[in-house]
Amino acid sequence: MLGDLRQRAGNAPIRGGLYFSCCARGPNQFGDNSEELGLIADELGNFPLVGFFANGEISNNRLYGYTGVLTLFL
């Protein structure tokens, strides 16, 4: 998915991003060294990124768990 985002951004520099991650994705899934954020940086480069952990994602009338939502500002 990160590769797809990089392609969709084209040559536009990424100016910033918001990342909302399910709290179950944190150290339990990616280890204690913020490896998930490392994957984002490896694929998209370094840019200002802020966010927080939540207990899932609400979309229409459903609640999803183990999700991560990344929004990029170009």
PDB file of N, CA and C in Angstrom:
ATOM      1  N   MET A   1       0.809  -1.190   0.000  1.00  0.00           N
ATOM      2  CA  MET A   1       0.000   0.000   0.000  1.00  0.00           C
ATOM      3  C   MET A   1       0.858   1.263   0.000  1.00  0.00           C
ATOM      4  N   LEU A   2       1.971   1.209   0.707  1.00  0.00           N
ATOM      5  CA  LEU A   2       2.839   2.381   0.734  1.00  0.00           C
ATOM      6  C   LEU A   2       3.416   2.661  -0.648  1.00  0.00           C
ATOM      7  N   GLY A   3       3.765   1.612  -1.372  1.00  0.00           N
ATOM      8  CA  GLY A   3       4.262   1.790  -2.735  1.00  0.00           C
ATOM      9  C   GLY A   3       3.215   2.422  -3.630  1.00  0.00           C
ATOM     10  N   ASP A   4       1.958   2.028  -3.448  1.00  0.00           N
ATOM     11  CA  ASP A   4       0.860   2.620  -4.218  1.00  0.00           C
ATOM     12  C   ASP A   4       0.711   4.104  -3.886  1.00  0.00           C
ATOM     13  N   LEU A   5       0.822   4.454  -2.606  1.00  0.00           N
ATOM     14  CA  LEU A   5       0.748   5.872  -2.220  1.00  0.00           C
ATOM     15  C   LEU A   5       1.892   6.671  -2.832  1.00  0.00           C
ATOM     16  N   ARG A   6       3.091   6.097  -2.849  1.00  0.00           N
ATOM     17  CA  ARG A   6       4.244   6.779  -3.448  1.00  0.00           C
ATOM     18  C   ARG A   6       3.992   7.038  -4.932  1.00  0.00           C
ATOM     19  N   GLN A   7       3.440   6.041  -5.628  1.00  0.00           N
ATOM     20  CA  GLN A   7       3.119   6.208  -7.046  1.00  0.00           C
ATOM     21  C   GLN A   7       2.060   7.273  -7.252  1.00  0.00           C
ATOM     22  N   ARG A   8       1.031   7.240  -6.443  1.00  0.00           N
ATOM     23  CA  ARG A   8      -0.066   8.207  -6.585  1.00  0.00           C
ATOM     24  C   ARG A   8       0.394   9.625  -6.296  1.00  0.00           C
ATOM     25  N   ALA A   9       1.372   9.776  -5.402  1.00  0.00           N
ATOM     26  CA  ALA A   9       1.902  11.110  -5.097  1.00  0.00           C
ATOM     27  C   ALA A   9       2.745  11.636  -6.250  1.00  0.00           C
ATOM     28  N   GLY A  10       3.240  10.723  -7.091  1.00  0.00           N
ATOM     29  CA  GLY A  10       4.070  11.135  -8.222  1.00  0.00           C
ATOM     30  C   GLY A  10       5.339  11.809  -7.745  1.00  0.00           C
ATOM     31  N   ASN A  11       5.706  12.889  -8.413  1.00  0.00           N
ATOM     32  CA  ASN A  11       6.919  13.625  -8.052  1.00  0.00           C
ATOM     33  C   ASN A  11       6.673  14.710  -7.012  1.00  0.00           C
ATOM     34  N   ALA A  12       5.428  14.836  -6.572  1.00  0.00           N
ATOM     35  CA  ALA A  12       5.101  15.874  -5.580  1.00  0.00           C
ATOM     36  C   ALA A  12       5.772  15.540  -4.248  1.00  0.00           C
ATOM     37  N   PRO A  13       6.410  16.509  -3.626  1.00  0.00           N
ATOM     38  CA  PRO A  13       7.000  16.242  -2.310  1.00  0.00           C
ATOM     39  C   PRO A  13       5.898  16.053  -1.270  1.00  0.00           C
ATOM     40  N   ILE A  14       6.111  15.123  -0.361  1.00  0.00           N
ATOM     41  CA  ILE A  14       5.163  14.923   0.741  1.00  0.00           C
ATOM     42  C   ILE A  14       5.496  15.950   1.811  1.00  0.00           C
ATOM     43  N   ARG A  15       4.568  16.829   2.094  1.00  0.00           N
ATOM     44  CA  ARG A  15       4.804  17.933   3.035  1.00  0.00           C
ATOM     45  C   ARG A  15       4.477  17.568   4.481  1.00  0.00           C
ATOM     46  N   GLY A  16       3.662  16.530   4.659  1.00  0.00           N
ATOM     47  CA  GLY A  16       3.300  16.112   6.004  1.00  0.00           C
ATOM     48  C   GLY A  16       2.291  14.991   5.948  1.00  0.00           C
ATOM     49  N   GLY A  17       1.995  14.423   7.106  1.00  0.00           N
ATOM     50  CA  GLY A  17       1.037  13.338   7.151  1.00  0.00           C
ATOM     51  C   GLY A  17       0.415  13.175   8.515  1.00  0.00           C
ATOM     52  N   LEU A  18      -0.728  12.496   8.520  1.00  0.00           N
ATOM     53  CA  LEU A  18      -1.435  12.104   9.739  1.00  0.00           C
ATOM     54  C   LEU A  18      -1.544  10.589   9.724  1.00  0.00           C
ATOM     55  N   TYR A  19      -1.250   9.952  10.839  1.00  0.00           N
ATOM     56  CA  TYR A  19      -1.360   8.500  10.904  1.00  0.00           C
ATOM     57  C   TYR A  19      -2.111   8.097  12.160  1.00  0.00           C
ATOM     58  N   PHE A  20      -3.189   7.371  11.960  1.00  0.00           N
ATOM     59  CA  PHE A  20      -4.012   6.871  13.063  1.00  0.00           C
ATOM     60  C   PHE A  20      -3.944   5.357  13.027  1.00  0.00           C
ATOM     61  N   SER A  21      -3.469   4.768  14.096  1.00  0.00           N
ATOM     62  CA  SER A  21      -3.222   3.335  14.147  1.00  0.00           C
ATOM     63  C   SER A  21      -4.014   2.709  15.287  1.00  0.00           C
ATOM     64  N   CYS A  22      -4.567   1.531  15.027  1.00  0.00           N
ATOM     65  CA  CYS A  22      -5.247   0.785  16.082  1.00  0.00           C
ATOM     66  C   CYS A  22      -4.221   0.430  17.153  1.00  0.00           C
ATOM     67  N   CYS A  23      -4.579   0.573  18.415  1.00  0.00           N
ATOM     68  CA  CYS A  23      -3.612   0.325  19.499  1.00  0.00           C
ATOM     69  C   CYS A  23      -3.105  -1.116  19.476  1.00  0.00           C
ATOM     70  N   ALA A  24      -3.836  -2.041  18.901  1.00  0.00           N
ATOM     71  CA  ALA A  24      -3.375  -3.428  18.811  1.00  0.00           C
ATOM     72  C   ALA A  24      -2.251  -3.594  17.797  1.00  0.00           C
ATOM     73  N   ARG A  25      -2.046  -2.620  16.895  1.00  0.00           N
ATOM     74  CA  ARG A  25      -0.995  -2.702  15.883  1.00  0.00           C
ATOM     75  C   ARG A  25       0.370  -2.323  16.436  1.00  0.00           C
ATOM     76  N   GLY A  26       0.426  -1.565  17.485  1.00  0.00           N
ATOM     77  CA  GLY A  26       1.678  -1.036  18.023  1.00  0.00           C
ATOM     78  C   GLY A  26       2.740  -2.087  18.285  1.00  0.00           C
ATOM     79  N   PRO A  27       3.296  -2.133  19.480  1.00  0.00           N
ATOM     80  CA  PRO A  27       4.406  -3.041  19.780  1.00  0.00           C
ATOM     81  C   PRO A  27       4.022  -4.508  19.629  1.00  0.00           C
ATOM     82  N   ASN A  28       2.741  -4.842  19.792  1.00  0.00           N
ATOM     83  CA  ASN A  28       2.324  -6.241  19.681  1.00  0.00           C
ATOM     84  C   ASN A  28       2.527  -6.780  18.271  1.00  0.00           C
ATOM     85  N   GLN A  29       2.352  -5.945  17.275  1.00  0.00           N
ATOM     86  CA  GLN A  29       2.463  -6.395  15.893  1.00  0.00           C
ATOM     87  C   GLN A  29       3.786  -5.997  15.242  1.00  0.00           C
ATOM     88  N   PHE A  30       4.355  -4.854  15.642  1.00  0.00           N
ATOM     89  CA  PHE A  30       5.530  -4.325  14.965  1.00  0.00           C
ATOM     90  C   PHE A  30       6.759  -4.187  15.852  1.00  0.00           C
ATOM     91  N   GLY A  31       6.704  -4.652  17.079  1.00  0.00           N
ATOM     92  CA  GLY A  31       7.864  -4.587  17.963  1.00  0.00           C
ATOM     93  C   GLY A  31       7.986  -3.243  18.672  1.00  0.00           C
ATOM     94  N   ASP A  32       8.969  -3.164  19.544  1.00  0.00           N
ATOM     95  CA  ASP A  32       9.149  -1.987  20.401  1.00  0.00           C
ATOM     96  C   ASP A  32       9.886  -0.838  19.732  1.00  0.00           C
ATOM     97  N   ASN A  33      10.417  -1.014  18.533  1.00  0.00           N
ATOM     98  CA  ASN A  33      11.254   0.008  17.912  1.00  0.00           C
ATOM     99  C   ASN A  33      10.535   0.813  16.831  1.00  0.00           C
ATOM    100  N   SER A  34       9.229   0.954  16.941  1.00  0.00           N
ATOM    101  CA  SER A  34       8.446   1.744  15.974  1.00  0.00           C
ATOM    102  C   SER A  34       8.704   1.292  14.537  1.00  0.00           C
ATOM    103  N   GLU A  35       8.767  -0.001  14.321  1.00  0.00           N
ATOM    104  CA  GLU A  35       9.077  -0.526  12.994  1.00  0.00           C
ATOM    105  C   GLU A  35       8.032  -0.150  11.955  1.00  0.00           C
ATOM    106  N   GLU A  36       6.794   0.028  12.371  1.00  0.00           N
ATOM    107  CA  GLU A  36       5.756   0.451  11.427  1.00  0.00           C
ATOM    108  C   GLU A  36       6.078   1.835  10.867  1.00  0.00           C
ATOM    109  N   LEU A  37       6.506   2.729  11.718  1.00  0.00           N
ATOM    110  CA  LEU A  37       6.892   4.068  11.251  1.00  0.00           C
ATOM    111  C   LEU A  37       8.136   3.994  10.382  1.00  0.00           C
ATOM    112  N   GLY A  38       9.019   3.065  10.684  1.00  0.00           N
ATOM    113  CA  GLY A  38      10.198   2.861   9.849  1.00  0.00           C
ATOM    114  C   GLY A  38       9.829   2.410   8.440  1.00  0.00           C
ATOM    115  N   LEU A  39       8.819   1.555   8.328  1.00  0.00           N
ATOM    116  CA  LEU A  39       8.350   1.124   7.009  1.00  0.00           C
ATOM    117  C   LEU A  39       7.827   2.310   6.206  1.00  0.00           C
ATOM    118  N   ILE A  40       7.090   3.191   6.867  1.00  0.00           N
ATOM    119  CA  ILE A  40       6.553   4.386   6.194  1.00  0.00           C
ATOM    120  C   ILE A  40       7.707   5.265   5.718  1.00  0.00           C
ATOM    121  N   ALA A  41       8.674   5.502   6.580  1.00  0.00           N
ATOM    122  CA  ALA A  41       9.815   6.351   6.212  1.00  0.00           C
ATOM    123  C   ALA A  41      10.650   5.717   5.104  1.00  0.00           C
ATOM    124  N   ASP A  42      10.846   4.408   5.160  1.00  0.00           N
ATOM    125  CA  ASP A  42      11.631   3.725   4.121  1.00  0.00           C
ATOM    126  C   ASP A  42      10.985   3.877   2.749  1.00  0.00           C
ATOM    127  N   GLU A  43       9.688   3.797   2.687  1.00  0.00           N
ATOM    128  CA  GLU A  43       8.990   3.845   1.400  1.00  0.00           C
ATOM    129  C   GLU A  43       8.711   5.262   0.920  1.00  0.00           C
ATOM    130  N   LEU A  44       8.362   6.153   1.853  1.00  0.00           N
ATOM    131  CA  LEU A  44       7.909   7.496   1.463  1.00  0.00           C
ATOM    132  C   LEU A  44       8.916   8.592   1.772  1.00  0.00           C
ATOM    133  N   GLY A  45       9.977   8.284   2.498  1.00  0.00           N
ATOM    134  CA  GLY A  45      10.955   9.295   2.871  1.00  0.00           C
ATOM    135  C   GLY A  45      10.599   9.936   4.200  1.00  0.00           C
ATOM    136  N   ASN A  46      11.436  10.863   4.615  1.00  0.00           N
ATOM    137  CA  ASN A  46      11.201  11.575   5.874  1.00  0.00           C
ATOM    138  C   ASN A  46      10.355  12.808   5.627  1.00  0.00           C
ATOM    139  N   PHE A  47       9.318  12.952   6.416  1.00  0.00           N
ATOM    140  CA  PHE A  47       8.432  14.111   6.371  1.00  0.00           C
ATOM    141  C   PHE A  47       7.766  14.228   7.734  1.00  0.00           C
ATOM    142  N   PRO A  48       7.254  15.403   8.092  1.00  0.00           N
ATOM    143  CA  PRO A  48       6.573  15.545   9.378  1.00  0.00           C
ATOM    144  C   PRO A  48       5.346  14.637   9.440  1.00  0.00           C
ATOM    145  N   LEU A  49       5.272  13.807  10.467  1.00  0.00           N
ATOM    146  CA  LEU A  49       4.180  12.851  10.624  1.00  0.00           C
ATOM    147  C   LEU A  49       3.707  12.877  12.070  1.00  0.00           C
ATOM    148  N   VAL A  50       2.426  13.073  12.271  1.00  0.00           N
ATOM    149  CA  VAL A  50       1.831  13.054  13.608  1.00  0.00           C
ATOM    150  C   VAL A  50       0.638  12.114  13.591  1.00  0.00           C
ATOM    151  N   GLY A  51       0.216  11.694  14.758  1.00  0.00           N
ATOM    152  CA  GLY A  51      -0.952  10.819  14.846  1.00  0.00           C
ATOM    153  C   GLY A  51      -1.127  10.311  16.255  1.00  0.00           C
ATOM    154  N   PHE A  52      -1.940   9.285  16.372  1.00  0.00           N
ATOM    155  CA  PHE A  52      -2.177   8.688  17.683  1.00  0.00           C
ATOM    156  C   PHE A  52      -2.739   7.280  17.515  1.00  0.00           C
ATOM    157  N   PHE A  53      -2.733   6.539  18.615  1.00  0.00           N
ATOM    158  CA  PHE A  53      -3.342   5.219  18.651  1.00  0.00           C
ATOM    159  C   PHE A  53      -4.803   5.360  19.019  1.00  0.00           C
ATOM    160  N   ALA A  54      -5.645   4.534  18.418  1.00  0.00           N
ATOM    161  CA  ALA A  54      -7.074   4.512  18.705  1.00  0.00           C
ATOM    162  C   ALA A  54      -7.505   3.050  18.863  1.00  0.00           C
ATOM    163  N   ASN A  55      -8.763   2.844  19.138  1.00  0.00           N
ATOM    164  CA  ASN A  55      -9.280   1.483  19.321  1.00  0.00           C
ATOM    165  C   ASN A  55     -10.008   0.965  18.092  1.00  0.00           C
ATOM    166  N   GLY A  56      -9.671   1.434  16.926  1.00  0.00           N
ATOM    167  CA  GLY A  56     -10.296   0.947  15.702  1.00  0.00           C
ATOM    168  C   GLY A  56     -10.670   2.095  14.786  1.00  0.00           C
ATOM    169  N   GLU A  57     -11.352   1.753  13.719  1.00  0.00           N
ATOM    170  CA  GLU A  57     -11.753   2.729  12.713  1.00  0.00           C
ATOM    171  C   GLU A  57     -13.244   2.569  12.448  1.00  0.00           C
ATOM    172  N   ILE A  58     -13.965   3.669  12.396  1.00  0.00           N
ATOM    173  CA  ILE A  58     -15.386   3.646  12.075  1.00  0.00           C
ATOM    174  C   ILE A  58     -15.541   4.080  10.622  1.00  0.00           C
ATOM    175  N   SER A  59     -16.181   3.240   9.828  1.00  0.00           N
ATOM    176  CA  SER A  59     -16.448   3.549   8.425  1.00  0.00           C
ATOM    177  C   SER A  59     -17.886   3.163   8.141  1.00  0.00           C
ATOM    178  N   ASN A  60     -18.686   4.149   7.763  1.00  0.00           N
ATOM    179  CA  ASN A  60     -20.130   3.941   7.569  1.00  0.00           C
ATOM    180  C   ASN A  60     -20.718   3.352   8.840  1.00  0.00           C
ATOM    181  N   ASN A  61     -21.263   2.160   8.792  1.00  0.00           N
ATOM    182  CA  ASN A  61     -21.903   1.591   9.988  1.00  0.00           C
ATOM    183  C   ASN A  61     -21.105   0.410  10.539  1.00  0.00           C
ATOM    184  N   ARG A  62     -19.799   0.394  10.295  1.00  0.00           N
ATOM    185  CA  ARG A  62     -18.962  -0.718  10.743  1.00  0.00           C
ATOM    186  C   ARG A  62     -17.786  -0.210  11.574  1.00  0.00           C
ATOM    187  N   LEU A  63     -17.335  -1.053  12.477  1.00  0.00           N
ATOM    188  CA  LEU A  63     -16.156  -0.783  13.280  1.00  0.00           C
ATOM    189  C   LEU A  63     -15.085  -1.800  12.897  1.00  0.00           C
ATOM    190  N   TYR A  64     -13.913  -1.321  12.514  1.00  0.00           N
ATOM    191  CA  TYR A  64     -12.811  -2.185  12.104  1.00  0.00           C
ATOM    192  C   TYR A  64     -11.705  -2.127  13.139  1.00  0.00           C
ATOM    193  N   GLY A  65     -11.015  -3.225  13.319  1.00  0.00           N
ATOM    194  CA  GLY A  65      -9.872  -3.282  14.213  1.00  0.00           C
ATOM    195  C   GLY A  65      -8.601  -3.590  13.443  1.00  0.00           C
ATOM    196  N   TYR A  66      -7.476  -3.382  14.080  1.00  0.00           N
ATOM    197  CA  TYR A  66      -6.153  -3.641  13.494  1.00  0.00           C
ATOM    198  C   TYR A  66      -5.922  -2.829  12.222  1.00  0.00           C
ATOM    199  N   THR A  67      -6.431  -1.630  12.188  1.00  0.00           N
ATOM    200  CA  THR A  67      -6.296  -0.787  10.996  1.00  0.00           C
ATOM    201  C   THR A  67      -5.284   0.321  11.235  1.00  0.00           C
ATOM    202  N   GLY A  68      -4.771   0.837  10.150  1.00  0.00           N
ATOM    203  CA  GLY A  68      -3.923   2.018  10.169  1.00  0.00           C
ATOM    204  C   GLY A  68      -4.380   2.927   9.043  1.00  0.00           C
ATOM    205  N   VAL A  69      -4.600   4.192   9.341  1.00  0.00           N
ATOM    206  CA  VAL A  69      -5.064   5.148   8.342  1.00  0.00           C
ATOM    207  C   VAL A  69      -4.006   6.227   8.189  1.00  0.00           C
ATOM    208  N   LEU A  70      -3.464   6.372   6.981  1.00  0.00           N
ATOM    209  CA  LEU A  70      -2.422   7.350   6.685  1.00  0.00           C
ATOM    210  C   LEU A  70      -2.965   8.369   5.695  1.00  0.00           C
ATOM    211  N   THR A  71      -2.896   9.634   6.064  1.00  0.00           N
ATOM    212  CA  THR A  71      -3.290  10.734   5.174  1.00  0.00           C
ATOM    213  C   THR A  71      -2.043  11.556   4.881  1.00  0.00           C
ATOM    214  N   LEU A  72      -1.810  11.830   3.599  1.00  0.00           N
ATOM    215  CA  LEU A  72      -0.632  12.594   3.200  1.00  0.00           C
ATOM    216  C   LEU A  72      -1.039  13.960   2.671  1.00  0.00           C
ATOM    217  N   PHE A  73      -0.213  14.962   2.974  1.00  0.00           N
ATOM    218  CA  PHE A  73      -0.387  16.319   2.445  1.00  0.00           C
ATOM    219  C   PHE A  73       0.697  16.563   1.413  1.00  0.00           C
ATOM    220  N   LEU A  74       0.279  16.878   0.196  1.00  0.00           N
ATOM    221  CA  LEU A  74       1.233  17.116  -0.878  1.00  0.00           C
ATOM    222  C   LEU A  74       1.372  18.582  -1.158  1.00  0.00           C
TER     223      LEU A  74
END
